[in-house]
Amino acid sequence: MKRQKRDMHARAYKRGYLAGVSGKSKDTCPIEQPEVRQEWLNGWREGRQDNWEGMTGVSGIHRLADVTSA
């Protein structure tokens, strides 16, 4: 049985969120494609906001699960 590839946009959002929560700069975005890069930046913004609100560590990971399932 074949595995389906993950959605590139969701994956970029998740990685951007994790970078934002950990306090990394948005300049560290490794993605070149404009649409996927925008998803990474959206995730990064959400992650930075959660970082500023104190949602780091386990609470940030739980937030990520809520955000990606919506």
N, C-alpha and C. Protein backbone atom coordinates (compact mmCIF):
# COMPACT_ATOMS: atom_id res chain seq x y z
N MET A 1 0.84 -1.18 0.00
CA MET A 1 0.00 0.00 0.00
C MET A 1 0.89 1.25 0.00
N LYS A 2 0.57 2.18 -0.87
CA LYS A 2 1.38 3.40 -0.97
C LYS A 2 1.04 4.37 0.15
N ARG A 3 2.05 5.10 0.57
CA ARG A 3 1.82 6.17 1.55
C ARG A 3 1.56 7.46 0.80
N GLN A 4 0.67 8.24 1.33
CA GLN A 4 0.43 9.55 0.73
C GLN A 4 1.47 10.51 1.26
N LYS A 5 1.92 11.39 0.38
CA LYS A 5 2.88 12.40 0.82
C LYS A 5 2.15 13.43 1.68
N ARG A 6 2.87 13.95 2.64
CA ARG A 6 2.28 14.99 3.46
C ARG A 6 2.09 16.25 2.66
N ASP A 7 1.11 17.01 3.06
CA ASP A 7 0.86 18.29 2.42
C ASP A 7 2.03 19.22 2.72
N MET A 8 2.66 19.75 1.67
CA MET A 8 3.82 20.62 1.84
C MET A 8 3.48 21.89 2.62
N HIS A 9 2.27 22.41 2.42
CA HIS A 9 1.87 23.63 3.10
C HIS A 9 1.71 23.39 4.60
N ALA A 10 1.09 22.29 4.97
CA ALA A 10 0.91 21.98 6.39
C ALA A 10 2.26 21.71 7.06
N ARG A 11 3.13 21.04 6.35
CA ARG A 11 4.46 20.75 6.88
C ARG A 11 5.27 22.03 7.07
N ALA A 12 5.17 22.94 6.11
CA ALA A 12 5.89 24.21 6.23
C ALA A 12 5.33 25.04 7.38
N TYR A 13 4.01 25.04 7.55
CA TYR A 13 3.39 25.77 8.65
C TYR A 13 3.88 25.24 10.00
N LYS A 14 3.90 23.92 10.12
CA LYS A 14 4.33 23.29 11.37
C LYS A 14 5.78 23.63 11.69
N ARG A 15 6.64 23.54 10.69
CA ARG A 15 8.05 23.85 10.92
C ARG A 15 8.26 25.32 11.24
N GLY A 16 7.48 26.19 10.60
CA GLY A 16 7.54 27.62 10.91
C GLY A 16 7.07 27.90 12.32
N TYR A 17 6.00 27.22 12.73
CA TYR A 17 5.48 27.38 14.09
C TYR A 17 6.53 26.98 15.12
N LEU A 18 7.15 25.84 14.89
CA LEU A 18 8.18 25.36 15.82
C LEU A 18 9.36 26.32 15.89
N ALA A 19 9.73 26.91 14.76
CA ALA A 19 10.81 27.89 14.75
C ALA A 19 10.40 29.14 15.52
N GLY A 20 9.16 29.57 15.36
CA GLY A 20 8.68 30.75 16.07
C GLY A 20 8.59 30.54 17.57
N VAL A 21 8.10 29.40 17.99
CA VAL A 21 7.99 29.10 19.42
C VAL A 21 9.37 29.04 20.06
N SER A 22 10.35 28.54 19.33
CA SER A 22 11.69 28.43 19.89
C SER A 22 12.46 29.74 19.83
N GLY A 23 11.85 30.80 19.24
CA GLY A 23 12.46 32.12 19.24
C GLY A 23 13.41 32.39 18.10
N LYS A 24 13.36 31.58 17.07
CA LYS A 24 14.26 31.80 15.93
C LYS A 24 13.77 32.95 15.06
N SER A 25 14.68 33.53 14.31
CA SER A 25 14.37 34.64 13.42
C SER A 25 13.64 34.14 12.18
N LYS A 26 12.79 34.99 11.62
CA LYS A 26 12.10 34.59 10.39
C LYS A 26 13.05 34.53 9.20
N ASP A 27 14.24 35.10 9.35
CA ASP A 27 15.24 35.04 8.29
C ASP A 27 15.81 33.63 8.12
N THR A 28 15.52 32.74 9.05
CA THR A 28 16.03 31.37 8.96
C THR A 28 15.13 30.47 8.12
N CYS A 29 14.13 31.04 7.47
CA CYS A 29 13.21 30.25 6.64
C CYS A 29 14.00 29.57 5.51
N PRO A 30 13.96 28.24 5.43
CA PRO A 30 14.73 27.52 4.42
C PRO A 30 14.01 27.33 3.08
N ILE A 31 12.80 27.85 2.96
CA ILE A 31 11.96 27.56 1.80
C ILE A 31 12.05 28.66 0.76
N GLU A 32 12.16 28.28 -0.50
CA GLU A 32 12.29 29.23 -1.61
C GLU A 32 10.97 29.46 -2.35
N GLN A 33 10.10 28.46 -2.40
CA GLN A 33 8.84 28.58 -3.15
C GLN A 33 7.93 29.59 -2.45
N PRO A 34 7.42 30.58 -3.17
CA PRO A 34 6.65 31.67 -2.54
C PRO A 34 5.42 31.22 -1.75
N GLU A 35 4.62 30.29 -2.29
CA GLU A 35 3.39 29.87 -1.59
C GLU A 35 3.71 29.11 -0.31
N VAL A 36 4.67 28.22 -0.41
CA VAL A 36 5.04 27.41 0.75
C VAL A 36 5.78 28.27 1.77
N ARG A 37 6.60 29.20 1.30
CA ARG A 37 7.29 30.13 2.20
C ARG A 37 6.29 30.96 3.00
N GLN A 38 5.20 31.37 2.38
CA GLN A 38 4.18 32.15 3.08
C GLN A 38 3.55 31.33 4.20
N GLU A 39 3.33 30.05 3.97
CA GLU A 39 2.79 29.18 5.01
C GLU A 39 3.77 29.07 6.17
N TRP A 40 5.06 28.96 5.87
CA TRP A 40 6.08 28.89 6.91
C TRP A 40 6.05 30.17 7.74
N LEU A 41 5.95 31.32 7.07
CA LEU A 41 5.91 32.59 7.78
C LEU A 41 4.64 32.74 8.61
N ASN A 42 3.51 32.24 8.11
CA ASN A 42 2.28 32.26 8.91
C ASN A 42 2.45 31.43 10.18
N GLY A 43 3.04 30.26 10.04
CA GLY A 43 3.31 29.43 11.21
C GLY A 43 4.28 30.10 12.16
N TRP A 44 5.30 30.75 11.61
CA TRP A 44 6.29 31.44 12.43
C TRP A 44 5.63 32.55 13.25
N ARG A 45 4.75 33.31 12.61
CA ARG A 45 4.05 34.40 13.32
C ARG A 45 3.21 33.86 14.47
N GLU A 46 2.47 32.78 14.22
CA GLU A 46 1.68 32.15 15.28
C GLU A 46 2.58 31.65 16.41
N GLY A 47 3.70 31.06 16.04
CA GLY A 47 4.64 30.55 17.04
C GLY A 47 5.25 31.66 17.87
N ARG A 48 5.61 32.76 17.23
CA ARG A 48 6.17 33.90 17.97
C ARG A 48 5.14 34.49 18.92
N GLN A 49 3.90 34.59 18.47
CA GLN A 49 2.84 35.11 19.32
C GLN A 49 2.65 34.21 20.54
N ASP A 50 2.63 32.90 20.32
CA ASP A 50 2.50 31.97 21.44
C ASP A 50 3.72 32.05 22.36
N ASN A 51 4.90 32.26 21.80
CA ASN A 51 6.11 32.41 22.60
C ASN A 51 5.99 33.62 23.50
N TRP A 52 5.52 34.73 22.95
CA TRP A 52 5.37 35.95 23.73
C TRP A 52 4.32 35.80 24.81
N GLU A 53 3.32 34.95 24.57
CA GLU A 53 2.26 34.72 25.55
C GLU A 53 2.66 33.66 26.58
N GLY A 54 3.87 33.14 26.46
CA GLY A 54 4.36 32.17 27.44
C GLY A 54 4.03 30.73 27.13
N MET A 55 3.55 30.45 25.95
CA MET A 55 3.21 29.06 25.58
C MET A 55 4.43 28.39 24.97
N THR A 56 5.38 28.06 25.80
CA THR A 56 6.58 27.38 25.33
C THR A 56 6.59 25.96 25.89
N GLY A 57 7.44 25.14 25.35
CA GLY A 57 7.56 23.77 25.84
C GLY A 57 6.33 22.95 25.49
N VAL A 58 5.80 22.25 26.47
CA VAL A 58 4.69 21.33 26.25
C VAL A 58 3.42 22.07 25.85
N SER A 59 3.15 23.22 26.45
CA SER A 59 1.93 23.95 26.11
C SER A 59 1.96 24.45 24.67
N GLY A 60 3.14 24.77 24.16
CA GLY A 60 3.27 25.18 22.76
C GLY A 60 3.02 24.02 21.82
N ILE A 61 3.46 22.85 22.18
CA ILE A 61 3.25 21.67 21.35
C ILE A 61 1.76 21.33 21.29
N HIS A 62 1.07 21.43 22.42
CA HIS A 62 -0.37 21.17 22.43
C HIS A 62 -1.10 22.18 21.55
N ARG A 63 -0.65 23.41 21.57
CA ARG A 63 -1.25 24.45 20.72
C ARG A 63 -1.04 24.10 19.26
N LEU A 64 0.11 23.59 18.92
CA LEU A 64 0.40 23.21 17.53
C LEU A 64 -0.58 22.12 17.07
N ALA A 65 -0.87 21.17 17.91
CA ALA A 65 -1.80 20.11 17.56
C ALA A 65 -3.19 20.68 17.29
N ASP A 66 -3.60 21.69 18.06
CA ASP A 66 -4.89 22.34 17.85
C ASP A 66 -4.92 23.11 16.55
N VAL A 67 -3.84 23.82 16.26
CA VAL A 67 -3.77 24.69 15.09
C VAL A 67 -3.73 23.87 13.81
N THR A 68 -2.95 22.80 13.76
CA THR A 68 -2.80 22.03 12.53
C THR A 68 -4.02 21.17 12.24
N SER A 69 -4.81 20.83 13.23
CA SER A 69 -6.00 20.00 12.98
C SER A 69 -7.17 20.84 12.51
N ALA A 70 -7.12 22.14 12.68
CA ALA A 70 -8.25 23.00 12.27
C ALA A 70 -8.24 23.28 10.79
